[in-house]
Amino acid sequence: MSDVKEVQHQVEGMLNSFSYRERINEFNELMLESHRTLQQSYTGLCLDWLQKLSVQKYFDDRNKASIEIAKKIMKAIEDNISLPMI
C-alpha cells in the first residue's frame, strides 16, 4: 500500500470512529504545534480538498452540505488558494 493510501486509510478510520470529533480536535491541536511550514502545507491540503469537493458533479444527502459549503468557501476566496512556501 502506498504511503498516501495508508494515510488516507488512517484518516478514514479516524473519521469512522464514534469519537471522531474529539479525535479531530486533538489532531488539529497537535497540528498547531507542528512546524509553521507544515501548518502552511496542511492548510493547502485542506483548501485543495475543498476546491475538489466544490466541483463534484455527483453528490447525495450524505455529502450535500459539504459540497455546498465548499462552493461557498471557494467563491469567497475567488481562486486565490495558492500559499507560498517560505
N, C-alpha and C. Protein backbone atom coordinates (compact mmCIF):
# COMPACT_ATOMS: atom_id res chain seq x y z
N MET A 1 0.86 -1.18 0.00
CA MET A 1 0.00 0.00 0.00
C MET A 1 0.90 1.24 0.00
N SER A 2 0.56 2.22 -0.82
CA SER A 2 1.37 3.43 -0.88
C SER A 2 1.23 4.24 0.41
N ASP A 3 2.22 5.11 0.65
CA ASP A 3 2.17 5.96 1.84
C ASP A 3 0.92 6.83 1.85
N VAL A 4 0.58 7.38 0.69
CA VAL A 4 -0.59 8.26 0.60
C VAL A 4 -1.86 7.47 0.90
N LYS A 5 -1.97 6.28 0.33
CA LYS A 5 -3.15 5.45 0.57
C LYS A 5 -3.23 5.06 2.04
N GLU A 6 -2.09 4.78 2.67
CA GLU A 6 -2.08 4.43 4.09
C GLU A 6 -2.57 5.59 4.95
N VAL A 7 -2.13 6.81 4.64
CA VAL A 7 -2.58 7.99 5.39
C VAL A 7 -4.08 8.18 5.20
N GLN A 8 -4.53 8.05 3.95
CA GLN A 8 -5.96 8.19 3.66
C GLN A 8 -6.76 7.15 4.44
N HIS A 9 -6.26 5.94 4.50
CA HIS A 9 -6.92 4.86 5.23
C HIS A 9 -6.98 5.18 6.73
N GLN A 10 -5.89 5.72 7.27
CA GLN A 10 -5.86 6.08 8.69
C GLN A 10 -6.86 7.21 8.99
N VAL A 11 -6.93 8.20 8.11
CA VAL A 11 -7.89 9.30 8.30
C VAL A 11 -9.31 8.76 8.22
N GLU A 12 -9.58 7.89 7.25
CA GLU A 12 -10.91 7.27 7.17
C GLU A 12 -11.26 6.57 8.47
N GLY A 13 -10.31 5.82 9.03
CA GLY A 13 -10.55 5.11 10.28
C GLY A 13 -10.88 6.08 11.40
N MET A 14 -10.16 7.20 11.46
CA MET A 14 -10.42 8.19 12.50
C MET A 14 -11.82 8.79 12.31
N LEU A 15 -12.18 9.11 11.07
CA LEU A 15 -13.48 9.71 10.80
C LEU A 15 -14.63 8.73 11.04
N ASN A 16 -14.36 7.45 10.90
CA ASN A 16 -15.38 6.43 11.07
C ASN A 16 -15.58 6.05 12.54
N SER A 17 -14.77 6.60 13.41
CA SER A 17 -14.84 6.32 14.84
C SER A 17 -16.01 7.09 15.46
N PHE A 18 -16.58 6.51 16.51
CA PHE A 18 -17.68 7.19 17.20
C PHE A 18 -17.21 8.45 17.92
N SER A 19 -15.94 8.52 18.25
CA SER A 19 -15.40 9.68 18.97
C SER A 19 -14.60 10.58 18.02
N TYR A 20 -14.96 10.58 16.74
CA TYR A 20 -14.14 11.30 15.76
C TYR A 20 -14.05 12.79 16.04
N ARG A 21 -15.07 13.42 16.55
CA ARG A 21 -14.98 14.87 16.82
C ARG A 21 -13.88 15.18 17.82
N GLU A 22 -13.81 14.39 18.87
CA GLU A 22 -12.74 14.58 19.85
C GLU A 22 -11.38 14.31 19.22
N ARG A 23 -11.29 13.28 18.40
CA ARG A 23 -10.03 12.91 17.77
C ARG A 23 -9.60 13.96 16.75
N ILE A 24 -10.55 14.53 16.01
CA ILE A 24 -10.21 15.59 15.05
C ILE A 24 -9.74 16.82 15.79
N ASN A 25 -10.42 17.16 16.89
CA ASN A 25 -9.98 18.30 17.69
C ASN A 25 -8.55 18.07 18.20
N GLU A 26 -8.29 16.88 18.69
CA GLU A 26 -6.94 16.55 19.17
C GLU A 26 -5.93 16.64 18.03
N PHE A 27 -6.30 16.11 16.86
CA PHE A 27 -5.41 16.17 15.69
C PHE A 27 -5.10 17.61 15.32
N ASN A 28 -6.13 18.43 15.26
CA ASN A 28 -5.91 19.84 14.89
C ASN A 28 -5.10 20.59 15.93
N GLU A 29 -5.30 20.28 17.20
CA GLU A 29 -4.48 20.90 18.25
C GLU A 29 -3.02 20.50 18.08
N LEU A 30 -2.78 19.24 17.74
CA LEU A 30 -1.41 18.78 17.50
C LEU A 30 -0.81 19.46 16.27
N MET A 31 -1.64 19.69 15.25
CA MET A 31 -1.14 20.38 14.05
C MET A 31 -0.70 21.80 14.39
N LEU A 32 -1.35 22.42 15.37
CA LEU A 32 -0.95 23.77 15.79
C LEU A 32 0.44 23.78 16.42
N GLU A 33 0.89 22.62 16.86
CA GLU A 33 2.23 22.51 17.43
C GLU A 33 3.28 22.15 16.39
N SER A 34 2.83 21.87 15.16
CA SER A 34 3.75 21.49 14.09
C SER A 34 4.55 22.69 13.61
N HIS A 35 5.60 22.37 12.89
CA HIS A 35 6.43 23.40 12.26
C HIS A 35 5.53 24.30 11.40
N ARG A 36 5.80 25.58 11.39
CA ARG A 36 4.95 26.55 10.68
C ARG A 36 4.84 26.23 9.19
N THR A 37 5.90 25.73 8.58
CA THR A 37 5.83 25.36 7.16
C THR A 37 4.87 24.20 6.97
N LEU A 38 4.87 23.26 7.90
CA LEU A 38 3.93 22.13 7.80
C LEU A 38 2.49 22.59 8.02
N GLN A 39 2.30 23.59 8.88
CA GLN A 39 0.96 24.15 9.04
C GLN A 39 0.48 24.76 7.72
N GLN A 40 1.39 25.44 7.02
CA GLN A 40 1.06 26.03 5.72
C GLN A 40 0.68 24.93 4.73
N SER A 41 1.45 23.83 4.73
CA SER A 41 1.16 22.71 3.83
C SER A 41 -0.18 22.06 4.17
N TYR A 42 -0.49 21.94 5.45
CA TYR A 42 -1.76 21.35 5.87
C TYR A 42 -2.93 22.23 5.42
N THR A 43 -2.78 23.54 5.56
CA THR A 43 -3.81 24.46 5.09
C THR A 43 -4.02 24.31 3.59
N GLY A 44 -2.92 24.18 2.86
CA GLY A 44 -3.02 23.96 1.41
C GLY A 44 -3.74 22.67 1.08
N LEU A 45 -3.46 21.61 1.85
CA LEU A 45 -4.15 20.33 1.66
C LEU A 45 -5.65 20.50 1.86
N CYS A 46 -6.03 21.20 2.93
CA CYS A 46 -7.45 21.42 3.23
C CYS A 46 -8.12 22.25 2.13
N LEU A 47 -7.44 23.28 1.66
CA LEU A 47 -8.01 24.12 0.59
C LEU A 47 -8.13 23.34 -0.71
N ASP A 48 -7.14 22.51 -1.01
CA ASP A 48 -7.21 21.69 -2.23
C ASP A 48 -8.39 20.73 -2.15
N TRP A 49 -8.60 20.14 -0.98
CA TRP A 49 -9.75 19.25 -0.79
C TRP A 49 -11.06 20.00 -1.03
N LEU A 50 -11.18 21.20 -0.46
CA LEU A 50 -12.41 21.99 -0.63
C LEU A 50 -12.62 22.36 -2.09
N GLN A 51 -11.54 22.68 -2.79
CA GLN A 51 -11.66 23.03 -4.21
C GLN A 51 -12.17 21.83 -5.00
N LYS A 52 -11.59 20.67 -4.76
CA LYS A 52 -12.02 19.46 -5.47
C LYS A 52 -13.46 19.09 -5.12
N LEU A 53 -13.81 19.23 -3.87
CA LEU A 53 -15.16 18.93 -3.43
C LEU A 53 -16.18 19.88 -4.07
N SER A 54 -15.79 21.13 -4.24
CA SER A 54 -16.73 22.14 -4.76
C SER A 54 -17.13 21.91 -6.20
N VAL A 55 -16.40 21.11 -6.93
CA VAL A 55 -16.72 20.87 -8.35
C VAL A 55 -17.25 19.46 -8.60
N GLN A 56 -17.59 18.75 -7.53
CA GLN A 56 -18.14 17.41 -7.67
C GLN A 56 -19.47 17.47 -8.41
N LYS A 57 -19.62 16.59 -9.39
CA LYS A 57 -20.87 16.53 -10.16
C LYS A 57 -21.92 15.67 -9.45
N TYR A 58 -21.46 14.60 -8.80
CA TYR A 58 -22.39 13.71 -8.13
C TYR A 58 -22.29 13.89 -6.62
N PHE A 59 -23.42 14.02 -5.99
CA PHE A 59 -23.49 14.03 -4.53
C PHE A 59 -24.90 13.64 -4.14
N ASP A 60 -25.05 13.31 -2.88
CA ASP A 60 -26.38 12.99 -2.36
C ASP A 60 -26.51 13.61 -0.98
N ASP A 61 -27.55 13.27 -0.26
CA ASP A 61 -27.81 13.90 1.03
C ASP A 61 -26.69 13.69 2.04
N ARG A 62 -25.89 12.63 1.87
CA ARG A 62 -24.82 12.35 2.83
C ARG A 62 -23.69 13.38 2.75
N ASN A 63 -23.46 13.96 1.59
CA ASN A 63 -22.38 14.94 1.48
C ASN A 63 -22.82 16.26 0.84
N LYS A 64 -24.12 16.46 0.72
CA LYS A 64 -24.65 17.68 0.11
C LYS A 64 -24.20 18.94 0.86
N ALA A 65 -24.26 18.93 2.17
CA ALA A 65 -23.86 20.11 2.95
C ALA A 65 -22.38 20.40 2.75
N SER A 66 -21.55 19.37 2.67
CA SER A 66 -20.12 19.57 2.44
C SER A 66 -19.86 20.21 1.07
N ILE A 67 -20.57 19.75 0.07
CA ILE A 67 -20.43 20.31 -1.28
C ILE A 67 -20.84 21.79 -1.27
N GLU A 68 -21.97 22.07 -0.64
CA GLU A 68 -22.47 23.45 -0.62
C GLU A 68 -21.53 24.40 0.11
N ILE A 69 -20.98 23.98 1.25
CA ILE A 69 -20.07 24.86 1.98
C ILE A 69 -18.76 25.01 1.24
N ALA A 70 -18.30 23.96 0.59
CA ALA A 70 -17.07 24.05 -0.21
C ALA A 70 -17.25 25.06 -1.34
N LYS A 71 -18.41 25.05 -1.99
CA LYS A 71 -18.69 26.02 -3.06
C LYS A 71 -18.67 27.44 -2.51
N LYS A 72 -19.27 27.65 -1.35
CA LYS A 72 -19.29 28.98 -0.74
C LYS A 72 -17.88 29.46 -0.39
N ILE A 73 -17.09 28.57 0.16
CA ILE A 73 -15.72 28.94 0.53
C ILE A 73 -14.92 29.28 -0.72
N MET A 74 -15.02 28.46 -1.75
CA MET A 74 -14.26 28.72 -2.98
C MET A 74 -14.71 30.02 -3.64
N LYS A 75 -16.00 30.30 -3.60
CA LYS A 75 -16.50 31.55 -4.15
C LYS A 75 -15.95 32.74 -3.35
N ALA A 76 -15.89 32.59 -2.04
CA ALA A 76 -15.42 33.68 -1.18
C ALA A 76 -13.94 34.00 -1.40
N ILE A 77 -13.14 32.97 -1.68
CA ILE A 77 -11.71 33.24 -1.86
C ILE A 77 -11.31 33.42 -3.32
N GLU A 78 -12.28 33.22 -4.21
CA GLU A 78 -12.09 33.53 -5.64
C GLU A 78 -10.79 33.00 -6.23
N ASP A 79 -10.60 31.70 -6.19
CA ASP A 79 -9.45 31.04 -6.81
C ASP A 79 -8.10 31.48 -6.25
N ASN A 80 -8.07 32.23 -5.17
CA ASN A 80 -6.81 32.67 -4.59
C ASN A 80 -6.41 31.69 -3.49
N ILE A 81 -6.07 30.45 -3.90
CA ILE A 81 -5.76 29.43 -2.90
C ILE A 81 -4.28 29.07 -2.87
N SER A 82 -3.47 29.78 -3.60
CA SER A 82 -2.04 29.47 -3.56
C SER A 82 -1.42 30.01 -2.28
N LEU A 83 -0.60 29.18 -1.67
CA LEU A 83 0.08 29.57 -0.44
C LEU A 83 1.58 29.49 -0.70
N PRO A 84 2.33 30.51 -0.33
CA PRO A 84 3.78 30.48 -0.58
C PRO A 84 4.47 29.49 0.34
N MET A 85 5.52 28.90 -0.15
CA MET A 85 6.38 28.03 0.67
C MET A 85 7.60 28.83 1.05
N ILE A 86 7.67 29.22 2.31
CA ILE A 86 8.77 30.06 2.79
C ILE A 86 9.72 29.21 3.63
